Amino acid sequence: QREPIFVPITYRPGSAPPVPQVGGVAIFMAVLVGVGMAAATGGVGAQSMLRQPGLYGGIFGGVTLLLAVGLADDFFDLSPAIKLLAQGMAAMFAISGGLTLPLAQFGPDATITLGWMGIPLTLFWIIAVTNAFNFIDGLDGLAASIGVVGFGTTLVSAAILGHSDVVMLS
């Protein structure tokens, strides 16, 4: 019979629910702090990264561009064309640093050397994975959960193959 004392804050019917913003900053900072701590302590993965400054400079340059565009999109609602252009530029940063797909392996005995086709395939792959994560980011925690599973799998694979730099980043 009485009015409730506490009424939860909700959005109005017919309007969009509130969307969290600037979540990428926390992930970006966590990676930077982790890499910085590994470098400061002389970790094996950090030493391996320091031997390849062009590669990791290109990767971090592209990631920084994507962070900046993501922040701008959170506040100014950028058009899809601008976001796609930024994803392409970020991929080109990584490619210019030396990140390419040199070959495709289809089992232990079936390997195809990609040659110059590795560059457009790398460009396509980076843009496709970036957009896949954007599309699955509609539910709370879904993209983060899939990211944890993906990086966990990458960590195990890199550890088995002895890639300490990839283990550290994962």
N, C-alpha and C. Protein backbone atom coordinates (compact mmCIF):
# COMPACT_ATOMS: atom_id res chain seq x y z
N GLN A 1 0.80 -1.19 0.00
CA GLN A 1 0.00 0.00 0.00
C GLN A 1 0.85 1.27 0.00
N ARG A 2 2.08 1.16 0.50
CA ARG A 2 2.93 2.34 0.56
C ARG A 2 3.85 2.40 -0.64
N GLU A 3 4.37 3.59 -0.94
CA GLU A 3 5.35 3.78 -2.00
C GLU A 3 6.67 3.17 -1.55
N PRO A 4 7.42 2.57 -2.49
CA PRO A 4 8.74 2.03 -2.08
C PRO A 4 9.68 3.16 -1.67
N ILE A 5 10.53 2.87 -0.68
CA ILE A 5 11.50 3.87 -0.22
C ILE A 5 12.62 4.03 -1.23
N PHE A 6 13.02 2.92 -1.84
CA PHE A 6 14.13 2.95 -2.80
C PHE A 6 13.59 2.59 -4.17
N VAL A 7 13.80 3.44 -5.12
CA VAL A 7 13.40 3.18 -6.50
C VAL A 7 14.69 3.12 -7.32
N PRO A 8 14.96 1.96 -7.94
CA PRO A 8 16.20 1.86 -8.72
C PRO A 8 16.21 2.83 -9.90
N ILE A 9 17.38 3.35 -10.19
CA ILE A 9 17.54 4.25 -11.33
C ILE A 9 17.56 3.41 -12.60
N THR A 10 16.66 3.71 -13.48
CA THR A 10 16.61 2.98 -14.76
C THR A 10 16.51 4.00 -15.88
N TYR A 11 16.55 3.52 -17.08
CA TYR A 11 16.35 4.40 -18.23
C TYR A 11 14.87 4.41 -18.57
N ARG A 12 14.45 5.42 -19.28
CA ARG A 12 13.05 5.56 -19.65
C ARG A 12 12.68 4.55 -20.72
N PRO A 13 11.48 4.02 -20.66
CA PRO A 13 11.04 3.12 -21.73
C PRO A 13 11.08 3.83 -23.08
N GLY A 14 11.55 3.13 -24.08
CA GLY A 14 11.63 3.71 -25.41
C GLY A 14 12.97 4.37 -25.71
N SER A 15 13.79 4.56 -24.68
CA SER A 15 15.11 5.14 -24.91
C SER A 15 16.16 4.05 -24.76
N ALA A 16 17.34 4.32 -25.28
CA ALA A 16 18.42 3.33 -25.23
C ALA A 16 18.94 3.21 -23.81
N PRO A 17 19.31 2.00 -23.39
CA PRO A 17 19.90 1.84 -22.06
C PRO A 17 21.27 2.52 -22.00
N PRO A 18 21.71 2.88 -20.80
CA PRO A 18 23.02 3.51 -20.69
C PRO A 18 24.13 2.54 -21.12
N VAL A 19 25.12 3.06 -21.83
CA VAL A 19 26.21 2.24 -22.34
C VAL A 19 27.51 2.65 -21.65
N PRO A 20 28.22 1.69 -21.05
CA PRO A 20 29.50 2.05 -20.43
C PRO A 20 30.47 2.57 -21.48
N GLN A 21 31.29 3.53 -21.07
CA GLN A 21 32.26 4.11 -22.00
C GLN A 21 33.66 4.01 -21.42
N VAL A 22 34.65 4.22 -22.25
CA VAL A 22 36.08 4.25 -21.96
C VAL A 22 36.61 2.98 -21.29
N GLY A 23 35.98 1.84 -21.56
CA GLY A 23 36.47 0.58 -21.01
C GLY A 23 37.80 0.15 -21.60
N GLY A 24 38.06 0.58 -22.84
CA GLY A 24 39.32 0.22 -23.49
C GLY A 24 40.53 0.83 -22.80
N VAL A 25 40.34 1.94 -22.11
CA VAL A 25 41.45 2.59 -21.42
C VAL A 25 42.00 1.67 -20.33
N ALA A 26 41.12 1.01 -19.58
CA ALA A 26 41.57 0.11 -18.51
C ALA A 26 42.37 -1.06 -19.08
N ILE A 27 41.92 -1.63 -20.17
CA ILE A 27 42.63 -2.75 -20.78
C ILE A 27 43.98 -2.28 -21.32
N PHE A 28 43.98 -1.15 -22.01
CA PHE A 28 45.21 -0.58 -22.57
C PHE A 28 46.23 -0.32 -21.45
N MET A 29 45.78 0.31 -20.37
CA MET A 29 46.68 0.63 -19.26
C MET A 29 47.19 -0.64 -18.58
N ALA A 30 46.33 -1.64 -18.45
CA ALA A 30 46.76 -2.90 -17.84
C ALA A 30 47.88 -3.55 -18.65
N VAL A 31 47.74 -3.53 -19.97
CA VAL A 31 48.79 -4.11 -20.82
C VAL A 31 50.08 -3.30 -20.70
N LEU A 32 49.97 -1.98 -20.74
CA LEU A 32 51.17 -1.14 -20.61
C LEU A 32 51.86 -1.34 -19.27
N VAL A 33 51.09 -1.42 -18.19
CA VAL A 33 51.69 -1.63 -16.87
C VAL A 33 52.37 -3.00 -16.81
N GLY A 34 51.70 -4.01 -17.36
CA GLY A 34 52.30 -5.35 -17.37
C GLY A 34 53.59 -5.41 -18.16
N VAL A 35 53.58 -4.81 -19.35
CA VAL A 35 54.80 -4.79 -20.18
C VAL A 35 55.88 -3.97 -19.50
N GLY A 36 55.50 -2.83 -18.91
CA GLY A 36 56.48 -1.99 -18.20
C GLY A 36 57.10 -2.70 -17.02
N MET A 37 56.28 -3.42 -16.25
CA MET A 37 56.83 -4.16 -15.10
C MET A 37 57.76 -5.28 -15.55
N ALA A 38 57.38 -5.95 -16.63
CA ALA A 38 58.24 -7.02 -17.16
C ALA A 38 59.56 -6.45 -17.65
N ALA A 39 59.49 -5.29 -18.31
CA ALA A 39 60.72 -4.65 -18.80
C ALA A 39 61.59 -4.20 -17.64
N ALA A 40 60.96 -3.66 -16.59
CA ALA A 40 61.71 -3.17 -15.43
C ALA A 40 62.39 -4.30 -14.66
N THR A 41 61.77 -5.46 -14.65
CA THR A 41 62.34 -6.59 -13.92
C THR A 41 63.24 -7.45 -14.80
N GLY A 42 63.35 -7.10 -16.07
CA GLY A 42 64.22 -7.86 -16.97
C GLY A 42 63.65 -9.19 -17.39
N GLY A 43 62.32 -9.27 -17.49
CA GLY A 43 61.67 -10.51 -17.89
C GLY A 43 62.11 -10.96 -19.27
N VAL A 44 62.12 -12.28 -19.47
CA VAL A 44 62.56 -12.85 -20.74
C VAL A 44 61.69 -12.36 -21.89
N GLY A 45 60.36 -12.28 -21.70
CA GLY A 45 59.47 -11.81 -22.75
C GLY A 45 59.75 -10.37 -23.13
N ALA A 46 60.05 -9.53 -22.12
CA ALA A 46 60.34 -8.12 -22.40
C ALA A 46 61.65 -8.01 -23.17
N GLN A 47 62.62 -8.82 -22.84
CA GLN A 47 63.89 -8.79 -23.57
C GLN A 47 63.67 -9.18 -25.03
N SER A 48 62.81 -10.15 -25.25
CA SER A 48 62.50 -10.56 -26.61
C SER A 48 61.79 -9.44 -27.37
N MET A 49 60.90 -8.71 -26.68
CA MET A 49 60.21 -7.59 -27.32
C MET A 49 61.19 -6.47 -27.66
N LEU A 50 62.14 -6.22 -26.78
CA LEU A 50 63.10 -5.15 -27.02
C LEU A 50 64.02 -5.45 -28.20
N ARG A 51 64.19 -6.74 -28.54
CA ARG A 51 65.00 -7.11 -29.70
C ARG A 51 64.24 -6.88 -31.01
N GLN A 52 62.92 -6.61 -30.92
CA GLN A 52 62.10 -6.40 -32.11
C GLN A 52 61.31 -5.08 -31.97
N PRO A 53 62.00 -3.94 -31.84
CA PRO A 53 61.28 -2.69 -31.56
C PRO A 53 60.34 -2.26 -32.69
N GLY A 54 60.69 -2.55 -33.94
CA GLY A 54 59.82 -2.17 -35.04
C GLY A 54 58.50 -2.91 -35.00
N LEU A 55 58.56 -4.21 -34.74
CA LEU A 55 57.36 -5.03 -34.70
C LEU A 55 56.43 -4.56 -33.59
N TYR A 56 56.97 -4.47 -32.39
CA TYR A 56 56.10 -4.11 -31.26
C TYR A 56 55.75 -2.63 -31.26
N GLY A 57 56.59 -1.79 -31.83
CA GLY A 57 56.23 -0.38 -32.01
C GLY A 57 55.06 -0.24 -32.96
N GLY A 58 55.07 -1.01 -34.04
CA GLY A 58 53.95 -0.99 -34.99
C GLY A 58 52.67 -1.50 -34.36
N ILE A 59 52.77 -2.58 -33.60
CA ILE A 59 51.58 -3.14 -32.94
C ILE A 59 51.02 -2.14 -31.93
N PHE A 60 51.88 -1.61 -31.06
CA PHE A 60 51.39 -0.67 -30.04
C PHE A 60 50.94 0.65 -30.68
N GLY A 61 51.56 1.06 -31.78
CA GLY A 61 51.09 2.24 -32.49
C GLY A 61 49.68 2.05 -33.03
N GLY A 62 49.43 0.88 -33.61
CA GLY A 62 48.09 0.58 -34.12
C GLY A 62 47.06 0.48 -33.00
N VAL A 63 47.44 -0.15 -31.91
CA VAL A 63 46.53 -0.28 -30.77
C VAL A 63 46.21 1.09 -30.18
N THR A 64 47.22 1.95 -30.11
CA THR A 64 47.01 3.31 -29.58
C THR A 64 46.05 4.08 -30.48
N LEU A 65 46.19 3.93 -31.79
CA LEU A 65 45.27 4.58 -32.72
C LEU A 65 43.85 4.07 -32.51
N LEU A 66 43.69 2.75 -32.36
CA LEU A 66 42.36 2.19 -32.13
C LEU A 66 41.77 2.67 -30.81
N LEU A 67 42.60 2.83 -29.79
CA LEU A 67 42.12 3.36 -28.51
C LEU A 67 41.61 4.78 -28.69
N ALA A 68 42.38 5.61 -29.39
CA ALA A 68 41.98 7.01 -29.60
C ALA A 68 40.68 7.09 -30.39
N VAL A 69 40.54 6.30 -31.42
CA VAL A 69 39.32 6.31 -32.23
C VAL A 69 38.15 5.76 -31.42
N GLY A 70 38.39 4.74 -30.61
CA GLY A 70 37.34 4.19 -29.76
C GLY A 70 36.84 5.22 -28.74
N LEU A 71 37.77 5.98 -28.17
CA LEU A 71 37.38 7.04 -27.24
C LEU A 71 36.58 8.12 -27.95
N ALA A 72 37.04 8.51 -29.13
CA ALA A 72 36.32 9.51 -29.91
C ALA A 72 34.92 9.01 -30.25
N ASP A 73 34.80 7.73 -30.57
CA ASP A 73 33.50 7.15 -30.90
C ASP A 73 32.58 7.13 -29.68
N ASP A 74 33.14 6.87 -28.50
CA ASP A 74 32.33 6.88 -27.28
C ASP A 74 31.67 8.23 -27.05
N PHE A 75 32.36 9.29 -27.38
CA PHE A 75 31.86 10.63 -27.07
C PHE A 75 31.21 11.35 -28.25
N PHE A 76 31.62 11.01 -29.49
CA PHE A 76 31.12 11.75 -30.65
C PHE A 76 30.38 10.89 -31.67
N ASP A 77 30.24 9.59 -31.44
CA ASP A 77 29.50 8.69 -32.33
C ASP A 77 29.99 8.82 -33.78
N LEU A 78 31.19 8.31 -34.03
CA LEU A 78 31.81 8.39 -35.35
C LEU A 78 31.07 7.50 -36.35
N SER A 79 31.21 7.84 -37.61
CA SER A 79 30.57 7.04 -38.67
C SER A 79 31.34 5.73 -38.86
N PRO A 80 30.65 4.70 -39.36
CA PRO A 80 31.32 3.43 -39.62
C PRO A 80 32.50 3.57 -40.59
N ALA A 81 32.40 4.46 -41.55
CA ALA A 81 33.48 4.64 -42.54
C ALA A 81 34.76 5.15 -41.85
N ILE A 82 34.61 6.07 -40.92
CA ILE A 82 35.78 6.59 -40.20
C ILE A 82 36.40 5.49 -39.34
N LYS A 83 35.55 4.70 -38.68
CA LYS A 83 36.08 3.62 -37.84
C LYS A 83 36.78 2.56 -38.68
N LEU A 84 36.22 2.23 -39.85
CA LEU A 84 36.86 1.26 -40.74
C LEU A 84 38.19 1.79 -41.25
N LEU A 85 38.24 3.06 -41.61
CA LEU A 85 39.49 3.68 -42.06
C LEU A 85 40.54 3.61 -40.95
N ALA A 86 40.14 3.90 -39.73
CA ALA A 86 41.08 3.85 -38.59
C ALA A 86 41.56 2.42 -38.36
N GLN A 87 40.69 1.44 -38.50
CA GLN A 87 41.10 0.04 -38.35
C GLN A 87 42.11 -0.34 -39.42
N GLY A 88 41.89 0.12 -40.64
CA GLY A 88 42.84 -0.15 -41.71
C GLY A 88 44.19 0.51 -41.44
N MET A 89 44.16 1.75 -40.95
CA MET A 89 45.42 2.44 -40.62
C MET A 89 46.14 1.73 -39.48
N ALA A 90 45.39 1.28 -38.47
CA ALA A 90 46.01 0.56 -37.36
C ALA A 90 46.64 -0.74 -37.84
N ALA A 91 45.95 -1.43 -38.73
CA ALA A 91 46.51 -2.66 -39.29
C ALA A 91 47.78 -2.37 -40.08
N MET A 92 47.79 -1.26 -40.81
CA MET A 92 48.98 -0.89 -41.58
C MET A 92 50.16 -0.53 -40.67
N PHE A 93 49.88 0.06 -39.49
CA PHE A 93 50.95 0.28 -38.52
C PHE A 93 51.61 -1.04 -38.17
N ALA A 94 50.79 -2.04 -37.84
CA ALA A 94 51.32 -3.35 -37.46
C ALA A 94 52.06 -4.00 -38.62
N ILE A 95 51.50 -3.90 -39.82
CA ILE A 95 52.13 -4.50 -40.99
C ILE A 95 53.46 -3.81 -41.29
N SER A 96 53.49 -2.48 -41.17
CA SER A 96 54.74 -1.76 -41.44
C SER A 96 55.82 -2.11 -40.42
N GLY A 97 55.41 -2.55 -39.23
CA GLY A 97 56.37 -2.99 -38.23
C GLY A 97 56.87 -4.41 -38.48
N GLY A 98 56.24 -5.11 -39.42
CA GLY A 98 56.71 -6.45 -39.77
C GLY A 98 55.73 -7.57 -39.43
N LEU A 99 54.54 -7.24 -38.96
CA LEU A 99 53.55 -8.27 -38.64
C LEU A 99 52.82 -8.68 -39.91
N THR A 100 53.12 -9.84 -40.44
CA THR A 100 52.43 -10.37 -41.61
C THR A 100 52.26 -11.87 -41.46
N LEU A 101 51.37 -12.40 -42.26
CA LEU A 101 51.16 -13.85 -42.31
C LEU A 101 52.06 -14.40 -43.42
N PRO A 102 53.22 -14.98 -43.09
CA PRO A 102 54.12 -15.45 -44.14
C PRO A 102 53.69 -16.75 -44.80
N LEU A 103 52.91 -17.57 -44.07
CA LEU A 103 52.50 -18.85 -44.64
C LEU A 103 51.20 -19.30 -44.02
N ALA A 104 50.55 -20.23 -44.68
CA ALA A 104 49.35 -20.88 -44.16
C ALA A 104 49.65 -22.36 -44.02
N GLN A 105 49.39 -22.88 -42.84
CA GLN A 105 49.70 -24.29 -42.59
C GLN A 105 48.41 -25.04 -42.34
N PHE A 106 48.21 -26.10 -43.10
CA PHE A 106 47.01 -26.92 -43.02
C PHE A 106 47.36 -28.33 -42.56
N GLY A 107 48.01 -28.45 -41.45
CA GLY A 107 48.46 -29.73 -40.95
C GLY A 107 49.98 -29.81 -41.02
N PRO A 108 50.53 -30.93 -40.56
CA PRO A 108 51.99 -31.03 -40.49
C PRO A 108 52.68 -31.07 -41.85
N ASP A 109 51.98 -31.49 -42.89
CA ASP A 109 52.63 -31.64 -44.20
C ASP A 109 52.11 -30.71 -45.27
N ALA A 110 51.15 -29.86 -44.95
CA ALA A 110 50.54 -28.99 -45.97
C ALA A 110 50.76 -27.53 -45.59
N THR A 111 51.81 -26.93 -46.17
CA THR A 111 52.14 -25.54 -45.91
C THR A 111 52.18 -24.78 -47.22
N ILE A 112 51.56 -23.60 -47.23
CA ILE A 112 51.56 -22.74 -48.41
C ILE A 112 52.27 -21.46 -48.05
N THR A 113 53.30 -21.09 -48.81
CA THR A 113 53.98 -19.81 -48.62
C THR A 113 53.14 -18.74 -49.30
N LEU A 114 52.78 -17.70 -48.56
CA LEU A 114 51.86 -16.68 -49.07
C LEU A 114 52.54 -15.59 -49.87
N GLY A 115 53.82 -15.33 -49.60
CA GLY A 115 54.53 -14.28 -50.33
C GLY A 115 53.87 -12.92 -50.14
N TRP A 116 53.67 -12.19 -51.23
CA TRP A 116 53.09 -10.85 -51.13
C TRP A 116 51.63 -10.88 -50.70
N MET A 117 50.94 -12.02 -50.86
CA MET A 117 49.53 -12.13 -50.44
C MET A 117 49.38 -12.10 -48.92
N GLY A 118 50.49 -12.30 -48.21
CA GLY A 118 50.43 -12.24 -46.75
C GLY A 118 50.04 -10.86 -46.23
N ILE A 119 50.41 -9.81 -46.97
CA ILE A 119 50.11 -8.44 -46.52
C ILE A 119 48.60 -8.15 -46.58
N PRO A 120 47.92 -8.35 -47.73
CA PRO A 120 46.47 -8.08 -47.72
C PRO A 120 45.70 -9.04 -46.81
N LEU A 121 46.16 -10.28 -46.68
CA LEU A 121 45.50 -11.21 -45.77
C LEU A 121 45.65 -10.76 -44.31
N THR A 122 46.82 -10.24 -43.97
CA THR A 122 47.03 -9.71 -42.62
C THR A 122 46.13 -8.51 -42.38
N LEU A 123 46.06 -7.62 -43.34
CA LEU A 123 45.19 -6.45 -43.24
C LEU A 123 43.74 -6.88 -43.02
N PHE A 124 43.27 -7.81 -43.84
CA PHE A 124 41.90 -8.33 -43.71
C PHE A 124 41.69 -8.98 -42.35
N TRP A 125 42.64 -9.78 -41.90
CA TRP A 125 42.51 -10.51 -40.64
C TRP A 125 42.39 -9.55 -39.46
N ILE A 126 43.24 -8.54 -39.40
CA ILE A 126 43.21 -7.59 -38.28
C ILE A 126 41.89 -6.83 -38.27
N ILE A 127 41.42 -6.38 -39.43
CA ILE A 127 40.15 -5.65 -39.49
C ILE A 127 38.99 -6.58 -39.13
N ALA A 128 39.02 -7.82 -39.60
CA ALA A 128 37.95 -8.77 -39.31
C ALA A 128 37.87 -9.09 -37.81
N VAL A 129 39.01 -9.34 -37.19
CA VAL A 129 39.00 -9.67 -35.76
C VAL A 129 38.58 -8.45 -34.92
N THR A 130 39.03 -7.27 -35.32
CA THR A 130 38.63 -6.04 -34.61
C THR A 130 37.12 -5.87 -34.66
N ASN A 131 36.53 -6.06 -35.84
CA ASN A 131 35.08 -5.91 -35.97
C ASN A 131 34.33 -7.04 -35.30
N ALA A 132 34.87 -8.24 -35.29
CA ALA A 132 34.22 -9.34 -34.58
C ALA A 132 34.07 -9.01 -33.10
N PHE A 133 35.12 -8.45 -32.51
CA PHE A 133 35.03 -8.07 -31.10
C PHE A 133 34.05 -6.92 -30.90
N ASN A 134 33.99 -6.00 -31.84
CA ASN A 134 33.01 -4.92 -31.73
C ASN A 134 31.58 -5.46 -31.78
N PHE A 135 31.34 -6.45 -32.63
CA PHE A 135 29.99 -7.00 -32.77
C PHE A 135 29.55 -7.80 -31.56
N ILE A 136 30.47 -8.50 -30.90
CA ILE A 136 30.07 -9.31 -29.74
C ILE A 136 30.06 -8.51 -28.45
N ASP A 137 30.34 -7.22 -28.52
CA ASP A 137 30.41 -6.41 -27.32
C ASP A 137 29.05 -5.87 -26.90
N GLY A 138 27.96 -6.57 -27.25
CA GLY A 138 26.63 -6.11 -26.89
C GLY A 138 26.16 -6.56 -25.52
N LEU A 139 26.71 -7.62 -25.00
CA LEU A 139 26.32 -8.12 -23.68
C LEU A 139 27.42 -7.82 -22.68
N ASP A 140 27.04 -7.54 -21.46
CA ASP A 140 28.01 -7.23 -20.42
C ASP A 140 28.99 -8.38 -20.22
N GLY A 141 30.25 -8.11 -20.40
CA GLY A 141 31.30 -9.08 -20.12
C GLY A 141 31.57 -10.09 -21.22
N LEU A 142 30.78 -10.10 -22.29
CA LEU A 142 30.96 -11.12 -23.32
C LEU A 142 32.29 -10.96 -24.06
N ALA A 143 32.58 -9.75 -24.52
CA ALA A 143 33.83 -9.53 -25.24
C ALA A 143 35.03 -9.79 -24.34
N ALA A 144 34.95 -9.34 -23.09
CA ALA A 144 36.06 -9.58 -22.16
C ALA A 144 36.25 -11.06 -21.90
N SER A 145 35.15 -11.80 -21.75
CA SER A 145 35.26 -13.24 -21.51
C SER A 145 35.86 -13.96 -22.70
N ILE A 146 35.42 -13.61 -23.89
CA ILE A 146 35.98 -14.24 -25.09
C ILE A 146 37.44 -13.85 -25.25
N GLY A 147 37.78 -12.61 -24.92
CA GLY A 147 39.18 -12.17 -24.96
C GLY A 147 40.05 -12.96 -24.01
N VAL A 148 39.54 -13.23 -22.81
CA VAL A 148 40.31 -14.02 -21.83
C VAL A 148 40.53 -15.44 -22.36
N VAL A 149 39.50 -16.04 -22.93
CA VAL A 149 39.65 -17.39 -23.49
C VAL A 149 40.63 -17.38 -24.66
N GLY A 150 40.52 -16.39 -25.54
CA GLY A 150 41.42 -16.30 -26.69
C GLY A 150 42.86 -16.11 -26.28
N PHE A 151 43.08 -15.17 -25.34
CA PHE A 151 44.46 -14.94 -24.91
C PHE A 151 44.99 -16.09 -24.06
N GLY A 152 44.11 -16.78 -23.34
CA GLY A 152 44.54 -17.97 -22.61
C GLY A 152 45.02 -19.05 -23.56
N THR A 153 44.28 -19.23 -24.65
CA THR A 153 44.68 -20.21 -25.66
C THR A 153 45.99 -19.79 -26.33
N THR A 154 46.11 -18.50 -26.62
CA THR A 154 47.34 -17.98 -27.21
C THR A 154 48.51 -18.19 -26.26
N LEU A 155 48.29 -17.95 -24.98
CA LEU A 155 49.34 -18.12 -23.97
C LEU A 155 49.85 -19.56 -23.95
N VAL A 156 48.93 -20.52 -23.92
CA VAL A 156 49.33 -21.93 -23.89
C VAL A 156 50.08 -22.31 -25.16
N SER A 157 49.56 -21.89 -26.31
CA SER A 157 50.22 -22.19 -27.59
C SER A 157 51.61 -21.57 -27.66
N ALA A 158 51.73 -20.31 -27.24
CA ALA A 158 53.03 -19.63 -27.27
C ALA A 158 54.01 -20.27 -26.30
N ALA A 159 53.52 -20.71 -25.15
CA ALA A 159 54.40 -21.38 -24.19
C ALA A 159 54.93 -22.69 -24.76
N ILE A 160 54.06 -23.44 -25.42
CA ILE A 160 54.48 -24.71 -26.02
C ILE A 160 55.52 -24.46 -27.11
N LEU A 161 55.34 -23.39 -27.89
CA LEU A 161 56.25 -23.08 -28.99
C LEU A 161 57.48 -22.28 -28.56
N GLY A 162 57.51 -21.85 -27.29
CA GLY A 162 58.67 -21.13 -26.76
C GLY A 162 58.75 -19.66 -27.15
N HIS A 163 57.62 -19.01 -27.40
CA HIS A 163 57.59 -17.59 -27.75
C HIS A 163 57.32 -16.78 -26.49
N SER A 164 58.38 -16.43 -25.77
CA SER A 164 58.24 -15.76 -24.47
C SER A 164 57.63 -14.37 -24.58
N ASP A 165 57.85 -13.67 -25.68
CA ASP A 165 57.24 -12.35 -25.83
C ASP A 165 55.73 -12.44 -25.94
N VAL A 166 55.23 -13.42 -26.68
CA VAL A 166 53.80 -13.61 -26.83
C VAL A 166 53.19 -14.11 -25.51
N VAL A 167 53.92 -14.95 -24.79
CA VAL A 167 53.46 -15.40 -23.48
C VAL A 167 53.28 -14.20 -22.56
N MET A 168 54.26 -13.31 -22.55
CA MET A 168 54.19 -12.14 -21.67
C MET A 168 53.00 -11.24 -22.03
N LEU A 169 52.80 -10.99 -23.30
CA LEU A 169 51.67 -10.14 -23.70
C LEU A 169 50.35 -10.80 -23.40
N SER A 170 50.27 -12.10 -23.58
CA SER A 170 49.00 -12.81 -23.30
C SER A 170 48.72 -12.81 -21.82
